[in-house]
Amino acid sequence: MVNVIRGVQDSKEFAKALVKANFDTGSSKTGGRNDFEDYPVTIVKHVKVRLNCQKGTAKNSFKDKKDICR
């Protein structure tokens, strides 16, 4: 699995590589998560924002517009 994901920097491509490596099937019919390719992308986005909160450089780009740096 490591060789499939090594060096992948784009979060969407990383998620696709995880599916290719059988980390998740991408289908609930086979025990995976239906929206798996979008799920890691969302997680990466949230982590980046939280890291920017720690740096004090966060911009609230989420739809709900709540304070994300509490």
PDB file of N, CA and C in Angstrom:
ATOM      1  N   MET A   1       0.822  -1.195   0.000  1.00  0.00           N
ATOM      2  CA  MET A   1       0.000   0.000   0.000  1.00  0.00           C
ATOM      3  C   MET A   1       0.862   1.253   0.000  1.00  0.00           C
ATOM      4  N   VAL A   2       1.962   1.235   0.709  1.00  0.00           N
ATOM      5  CA  VAL A   2       2.793   2.431   0.839  1.00  0.00           C
ATOM      6  C   VAL A   2       3.288   2.915  -0.513  1.00  0.00           C
ATOM      7  N   ASN A   3       3.660   2.015  -1.387  1.00  0.00           N
ATOM      8  CA  ASN A   3       4.167   2.426  -2.698  1.00  0.00           C
ATOM      9  C   ASN A   3       3.115   3.134  -3.536  1.00  0.00           C
ATOM     10  N   VAL A   4       1.838   2.812  -3.330  1.00  0.00           N
ATOM     11  CA  VAL A   4       0.760   3.429  -4.097  1.00  0.00           C
ATOM     12  C   VAL A   4       0.523   4.870  -3.652  1.00  0.00           C
ATOM     13  N   ILE A   5       0.700   5.146  -2.371  1.00  0.00           N
ATOM     14  CA  ILE A   5       0.392   6.487  -1.856  1.00  0.00           C
ATOM     15  C   ILE A   5       1.621   7.367  -1.661  1.00  0.00           C
ATOM     16  N   ARG A   6       2.797   6.777  -1.709  1.00  0.00           N
ATOM     17  CA  ARG A   6       4.024   7.551  -1.480  1.00  0.00           C
ATOM     18  C   ARG A   6       4.165   8.672  -2.505  1.00  0.00           C
ATOM     19  N   GLY A   7       4.398   9.861  -2.026  1.00  0.00           N
ATOM     20  CA  GLY A   7       4.633  11.001  -2.900  1.00  0.00           C
ATOM     21  C   GLY A   7       3.383  11.711  -3.397  1.00  0.00           C
ATOM     22  N   VAL A   8       2.209  11.183  -3.109  1.00  0.00           N
ATOM     23  CA  VAL A   8       0.968  11.822  -3.553  1.00  0.00           C
ATOM     24  C   VAL A   8       0.702  13.024  -2.654  1.00  0.00           C
ATOM     25  N   GLN A   9       0.593  14.205  -3.242  1.00  0.00           N
ATOM     26  CA  GLN A   9       0.434  15.427  -2.454  1.00  0.00           C
ATOM     27  C   GLN A   9      -0.973  16.009  -2.509  1.00  0.00           C
ATOM     28  N   ASP A  10      -1.694  15.774  -3.579  1.00  0.00           N
ATOM     29  CA  ASP A  10      -3.056  16.276  -3.718  1.00  0.00           C
ATOM     30  C   ASP A  10      -3.990  15.388  -2.905  1.00  0.00           C
ATOM     31  N   SER A  11      -4.856  15.993  -2.086  1.00  0.00           N
ATOM     32  CA  SER A  11      -5.714  15.203  -1.196  1.00  0.00           C
ATOM     33  C   SER A  11      -6.694  14.317  -1.961  1.00  0.00           C
ATOM     34  N   LYS A  12      -7.210  14.775  -3.076  1.00  0.00           N
ATOM     35  CA  LYS A  12      -8.132  13.953  -3.879  1.00  0.00           C
ATOM     36  C   LYS A  12      -7.385  12.763  -4.484  1.00  0.00           C
ATOM     37  N   GLU A  13      -6.199  13.000  -4.994  1.00  0.00           N
ATOM     38  CA  GLU A  13      -5.389  11.923  -5.556  1.00  0.00           C
ATOM     39  C   GLU A  13      -4.949  10.945  -4.461  1.00  0.00           C
ATOM     40  N   PHE A  14      -4.703  11.464  -3.267  1.00  0.00           N
ATOM     41  CA  PHE A  14      -4.349  10.621  -2.126  1.00  0.00           C
ATOM     42  C   PHE A  14      -5.509   9.676  -1.797  1.00  0.00           C
ATOM     43  N   ALA A  15      -6.722  10.200  -1.776  1.00  0.00           N
ATOM     44  CA  ALA A  15      -7.900   9.381  -1.500  1.00  0.00           C
ATOM     45  C   ALA A  15      -8.078   8.311  -2.571  1.00  0.00           C
ATOM     46  N   LYS A  16      -7.883   8.685  -3.831  1.00  0.00           N
ATOM     47  CA  LYS A  16      -7.988   7.710  -4.923  1.00  0.00           C
ATOM     48  C   LYS A  16      -6.931   6.618  -4.776  1.00  0.00           C
ATOM     49  N   ALA A  17      -5.726   7.015  -4.356  1.00  0.00           N
ATOM     50  CA  ALA A  17      -4.652   6.037  -4.158  1.00  0.00           C
ATOM     51  C   ALA A  17      -4.985   5.080  -3.017  1.00  0.00           C
ATOM     52  N   LEU A  18      -5.642   5.587  -1.977  1.00  0.00           N
ATOM     53  CA  LEU A  18      -6.055   4.715  -0.872  1.00  0.00           C
ATOM     54  C   LEU A  18      -7.079   3.678  -1.343  1.00  0.00           C
ATOM     55  N   VAL A  19      -7.997   4.091  -2.201  1.00  0.00           N
ATOM     56  CA  VAL A  19      -8.970   3.147  -2.753  1.00  0.00           C
ATOM     57  C   VAL A  19      -8.244   2.123  -3.626  1.00  0.00           C
ATOM     58  N   LYS A  20      -7.318   2.589  -4.435  1.00  0.00           N
ATOM     59  CA  LYS A  20      -6.545   1.695  -5.303  1.00  0.00           C
ATOM     60  C   LYS A  20      -5.752   0.675  -4.480  1.00  0.00           C
ATOM     61  N   ALA A  21      -5.294   1.101  -3.304  1.00  0.00           N
ATOM     62  CA  ALA A  21      -4.517   0.218  -2.430  1.00  0.00           C
ATOM     63  C   ALA A  21      -5.404  -0.648  -1.540  1.00  0.00           C
ATOM     64  N   ASN A  22      -6.704  -0.595  -1.771  1.00  0.00           N
ATOM     65  CA  ASN A  22      -7.684  -1.373  -1.008  1.00  0.00           C
ATOM     66  C   ASN A  22      -7.779  -0.969   0.455  1.00  0.00           C
ATOM     67  N   PHE A  23      -7.426   0.261   0.779  1.00  0.00           N
ATOM     68  CA  PHE A  23      -7.627   0.771   2.139  1.00  0.00           C
ATOM     69  C   PHE A  23      -9.114   0.920   2.403  1.00  0.00           C
ATOM     70  N   ASP A  24      -9.843   1.373   1.399  1.00  0.00           N
ATOM     71  CA  ASP A  24     -11.297   1.494   1.447  1.00  0.00           C
ATOM     72  C   ASP A  24     -11.800   1.212   0.042  1.00  0.00           C
ATOM     73  N   THR A  25     -12.902   0.500  -0.055  1.00  0.00           N
ATOM     74  CA  THR A  25     -13.413   0.130  -1.376  1.00  0.00           C
ATOM     75  C   THR A  25     -14.144   1.262  -2.079  1.00  0.00           C
ATOM     76  N   GLY A  26     -14.596   2.254  -1.312  1.00  0.00           N
ATOM     77  CA  GLY A  26     -15.366   3.341  -1.901  1.00  0.00           C
ATOM     78  C   GLY A  26     -16.820   2.987  -2.123  1.00  0.00           C
ATOM     79  N   SER A  27     -17.241   1.849  -1.574  1.00  0.00           N
ATOM     80  CA  SER A  27     -18.626   1.404  -1.740  1.00  0.00           C
ATOM     81  C   SER A  27     -19.104   0.719  -0.464  1.00  0.00           C
ATOM     82  N   SER A  28     -20.249   1.145   0.036  1.00  0.00           N
ATOM     83  CA  SER A  28     -20.796   0.525   1.236  1.00  0.00           C
ATOM     84  C   SER A  28     -21.228  -0.921   0.974  1.00  0.00           C
ATOM     85  N   LYS A  29     -21.483  -1.238  -0.269  1.00  0.00           N
ATOM     86  CA  LYS A  29     -21.863  -2.608  -0.618  1.00  0.00           C
ATOM     87  C   LYS A  29     -20.733  -3.602  -0.361  1.00  0.00           C
ATOM     88  N   THR A  30     -19.510  -3.101  -0.368  1.00  0.00           N
ATOM     89  CA  THR A  30     -18.360  -3.985  -0.161  1.00  0.00           C
ATOM     90  C   THR A  30     -17.615  -3.649   1.135  1.00  0.00           C
ATOM     91  N   GLY A  31     -18.294  -2.968   2.048  1.00  0.00           N
ATOM     92  CA  GLY A  31     -17.701  -2.669   3.352  1.00  0.00           C
ATOM     93  C   GLY A  31     -16.970  -1.352   3.454  1.00  0.00           C
ATOM     94  N   GLY A  32     -17.013  -0.556   2.406  1.00  0.00           N
ATOM     95  CA  GLY A  32     -16.335   0.739   2.416  1.00  0.00           C
ATOM     96  C   GLY A  32     -17.295   1.888   2.670  1.00  0.00           C
ATOM     97  N   ARG A  33     -16.827   3.071   2.414  1.00  0.00           N
ATOM     98  CA  ARG A  33     -17.624   4.282   2.587  1.00  0.00           C
ATOM     99  C   ARG A  33     -17.950   4.831   1.203  1.00  0.00           C
ATOM    100  N   ASN A  34     -19.229   5.090   0.940  1.00  0.00           N
ATOM    101  CA  ASN A  34     -19.644   5.554  -0.386  1.00  0.00           C
ATOM    102  C   ASN A  34     -18.939   6.827  -0.828  1.00  0.00           C
ATOM    103  N   ASP A  35     -18.771   7.760   0.059  1.00  0.00           N
ATOM    104  CA  ASP A  35     -18.152   9.039  -0.314  1.00  0.00           C
ATOM    105  C   ASP A  35     -16.686   9.098   0.108  1.00  0.00           C
ATOM    106  N   PHE A  36     -16.019   7.955   0.107  1.00  0.00           N
ATOM    107  CA  PHE A  36     -14.659   7.909   0.649  1.00  0.00           C
ATOM    108  C   PHE A  36     -13.709   8.868  -0.047  1.00  0.00           C
ATOM    109  N   GLU A  37     -13.791   8.995  -1.351  1.00  0.00           N
ATOM    110  CA  GLU A  37     -12.841   9.869  -2.053  1.00  0.00           C
ATOM    111  C   GLU A  37     -13.012  11.333  -1.667  1.00  0.00           C
ATOM    112  N   ASP A  38     -14.202  11.731  -1.252  1.00  0.00           N
ATOM    113  CA  ASP A  38     -14.418  13.112  -0.808  1.00  0.00           C
ATOM    114  C   ASP A  38     -14.099  13.289   0.670  1.00  0.00           C
ATOM    115  N   TYR A  39     -14.243  12.229   1.450  1.00  0.00           N
ATOM    116  CA  TYR A  39     -14.063  12.303   2.899  1.00  0.00           C
ATOM    117  C   TYR A  39     -12.653  12.743   3.313  1.00  0.00           C
ATOM    118  N   PRO A  40     -11.578  12.127   2.806  1.00  0.00           N
ATOM    119  CA  PRO A  40     -10.234  12.593   3.182  1.00  0.00           C
ATOM    120  C   PRO A  40      -9.958  14.030   2.735  1.00  0.00           C
ATOM    121  N   VAL A  41     -10.548  14.434   1.610  1.00  0.00           N
ATOM    122  CA  VAL A  41     -10.366  15.811   1.127  1.00  0.00           C
ATOM    123  C   VAL A  41     -10.923  16.790   2.160  1.00  0.00           C
ATOM    124  N   THR A  42     -12.102  16.484   2.697  1.00  0.00           N
ATOM    125  CA  THR A  42     -12.717  17.330   3.729  1.00  0.00           C
ATOM    126  C   THR A  42     -11.871  17.346   4.995  1.00  0.00           C
ATOM    127  N   ILE A  43     -11.367  16.184   5.384  1.00  0.00           N
ATOM    128  CA  ILE A  43     -10.532  16.105   6.581  1.00  0.00           C
ATOM    129  C   ILE A  43      -9.275  16.947   6.415  1.00  0.00           C
ATOM    130  N   VAL A  44      -8.618  16.838   5.277  1.00  0.00           N
ATOM    131  CA  VAL A  44      -7.397  17.611   5.022  1.00  0.00           C
ATOM    132  C   VAL A  44      -7.695  19.106   5.079  1.00  0.00           C
ATOM    133  N   LYS A  45      -8.818  19.516   4.500  1.00  0.00           N
ATOM    134  CA  LYS A  45      -9.202  20.931   4.520  1.00  0.00           C
ATOM    135  C   LYS A  45      -9.375  21.421   5.960  1.00  0.00           C
ATOM    136  N   HIS A  46     -10.067  20.625   6.774  1.00  0.00           N
ATOM    137  CA  HIS A  46     -10.293  21.012   8.166  1.00  0.00           C
ATOM    138  C   HIS A  46      -8.985  21.063   8.958  1.00  0.00           C
ATOM    139  N   VAL A  47      -8.111  20.114   8.728  1.00  0.00           N
ATOM    140  CA  VAL A  47      -6.822  20.104   9.431  1.00  0.00           C
ATOM    141  C   VAL A  47      -6.002  21.330   9.057  1.00  0.00           C
ATOM    142  N   LYS A  48      -5.992  21.683   7.786  1.00  0.00           N
ATOM    143  CA  LYS A  48      -5.252  22.880   7.356  1.00  0.00           C
ATOM    144  C   LYS A  48      -5.782  24.131   8.050  1.00  0.00           C
ATOM    145  N   VAL A  49      -7.098  24.243   8.150  1.00  0.00           N
ATOM    146  CA  VAL A  49      -7.693  25.402   8.803  1.00  0.00           C
ATOM    147  C   VAL A  49      -7.317  25.420  10.282  1.00  0.00           C
ATOM    148  N   ARG A  50      -7.411  24.269  10.939  1.00  0.00           N
ATOM    149  CA  ARG A  50      -7.080  24.203  12.368  1.00  0.00           C
ATOM    150  C   ARG A  50      -5.607  24.546  12.604  1.00  0.00           C
ATOM    151  N   LEU A  51      -4.730  24.102  11.719  1.00  0.00           N
ATOM    152  CA  LEU A  51      -3.310  24.453  11.844  1.00  0.00           C
ATOM    153  C   LEU A  51      -3.118  25.955  11.681  1.00  0.00           C
ATOM    154  N   ASN A  52      -3.882  26.550  10.770  1.00  0.00           N
ATOM    155  CA  ASN A  52      -3.802  27.992  10.588  1.00  0.00           C
ATOM    156  C   ASN A  52      -4.375  28.733  11.791  1.00  0.00           C
ATOM    157  N   CYS A  53      -5.338  28.131  12.489  1.00  0.00           N
ATOM    158  CA  CYS A  53      -5.848  28.726  13.730  1.00  0.00           C
ATOM    159  C   CYS A  53      -4.711  28.861  14.739  1.00  0.00           C
ATOM    160  N   GLN A  54      -3.914  27.819  14.834  1.00  0.00           N
ATOM    161  CA  GLN A  54      -2.792  27.843  15.774  1.00  0.00           C
ATOM    162  C   GLN A  54      -1.790  28.917  15.399  1.00  0.00           C
ATOM    163  N   LYS A  55      -1.632  29.155  14.099  1.00  0.00           N
ATOM    164  CA  LYS A  55      -0.707  30.187  13.623  1.00  0.00           C
ATOM    165  C   LYS A  55      -1.334  31.582  13.669  1.00  0.00           C
ATOM    166  N   GLY A  56      -2.669  31.631  13.788  1.00  0.00           N
ATOM    167  CA  GLY A  56      -3.370  32.913  13.781  1.00  0.00           C
ATOM    168  C   GLY A  56      -3.633  33.450  12.392  1.00  0.00           C
ATOM    169  N   THR A  57      -3.595  32.575  11.385  1.00  0.00           N
ATOM    170  CA  THR A  57      -3.786  33.029   9.998  1.00  0.00           C
ATOM    171  C   THR A  57      -5.004  32.403   9.333  1.00  0.00           C
ATOM    172  N   ALA A  58      -5.929  31.862  10.109  1.00  0.00           N
ATOM    173  CA  ALA A  58      -7.079  31.162   9.535  1.00  0.00           C
ATOM    174  C   ALA A  58      -8.080  32.124   8.916  1.00  0.00           C
ATOM    175  N   LYS A  59      -8.660  31.688   7.815  1.00  0.00           N
ATOM    176  CA  LYS A  59      -9.763  32.402   7.182  1.00  0.00           C
ATOM    177  C   LYS A  59     -10.955  31.462   7.203  1.00  0.00           C
ATOM    178  N   ASN A  60     -12.105  31.969   7.588  1.00  0.00           N
ATOM    179  CA  ASN A  60     -13.291  31.128   7.681  1.00  0.00           C
ATOM    180  C   ASN A  60     -13.881  30.939   6.300  1.00  0.00           C
ATOM    181  N   SER A  61     -13.566  29.808   5.673  1.00  0.00           N
ATOM    182  CA  SER A  61     -14.053  29.550   4.321  1.00  0.00           C
ATOM    183  C   SER A  61     -15.141  28.484   4.290  1.00  0.00           C
ATOM    184  N   PHE A  62     -15.619  28.071   5.448  1.00  0.00           N
ATOM    185  CA  PHE A  62     -16.645  27.041   5.492  1.00  0.00           C
ATOM    186  C   PHE A  62     -18.022  27.656   5.346  1.00  0.00           C
ATOM    187  N   LYS A  63     -18.965  26.891   4.824  1.00  0.00           N
ATOM    188  CA  LYS A  63     -20.297  27.383   4.511  1.00  0.00           C
ATOM    189  C   LYS A  63     -21.062  27.852   5.725  1.00  0.00           C
ATOM    190  N   ASP A  64     -20.880  27.193   6.865  1.00  0.00           N
ATOM    191  CA  ASP A  64     -21.689  27.548   8.036  1.00  0.00           C
ATOM    192  C   ASP A  64     -21.205  28.836   8.726  1.00  0.00           C
ATOM    193  N   LYS A  65     -20.035  29.301   8.385  1.00  0.00           N
ATOM    194  CA  LYS A  65     -19.483  30.576   8.870  1.00  0.00           C
ATOM    195  C   LYS A  65     -19.381  30.693  10.392  1.00  0.00           C
ATOM    196  N   LYS A  66     -19.397  29.556  11.102  1.00  0.00           N
ATOM    197  CA  LYS A  66     -19.207  29.639  12.553  1.00  0.00           C
ATOM    198  C   LYS A  66     -17.731  29.851  12.863  1.00  0.00           C
ATOM    199  N   ASP A  67     -17.447  30.270  14.067  1.00  0.00           N
ATOM    200  CA  ASP A  67     -16.067  30.515  14.464  1.00  0.00           C
ATOM    201  C   ASP A  67     -15.334  29.194  14.568  1.00  0.00           C
ATOM    202  N   ILE A  68     -14.399  28.980  13.686  1.00  0.00           N
ATOM    203  CA  ILE A  68     -13.698  27.697  13.623  1.00  0.00           C
ATOM    204  C   ILE A  68     -12.461  27.669  14.497  1.00  0.00           C
ATOM    205  N   CYS A  69     -12.079  28.777  15.046  1.00  0.00           N
ATOM    206  CA  CYS A  69     -10.842  28.827  15.838  1.00  0.00           C
ATOM    207  C   CYS A  69     -11.111  29.022  17.327  1.00  0.00           C
ATOM    208  N   ARG A  70     -12.197  28.493  17.813  1.00  0.00           N
ATOM    209  CA  ARG A  70     -12.506  28.656  19.231  1.00  0.00           C
ATOM    210  C   ARG A  70     -11.508  27.969  20.103  1.00  0.00           C
TER     211      ARG A  70
END
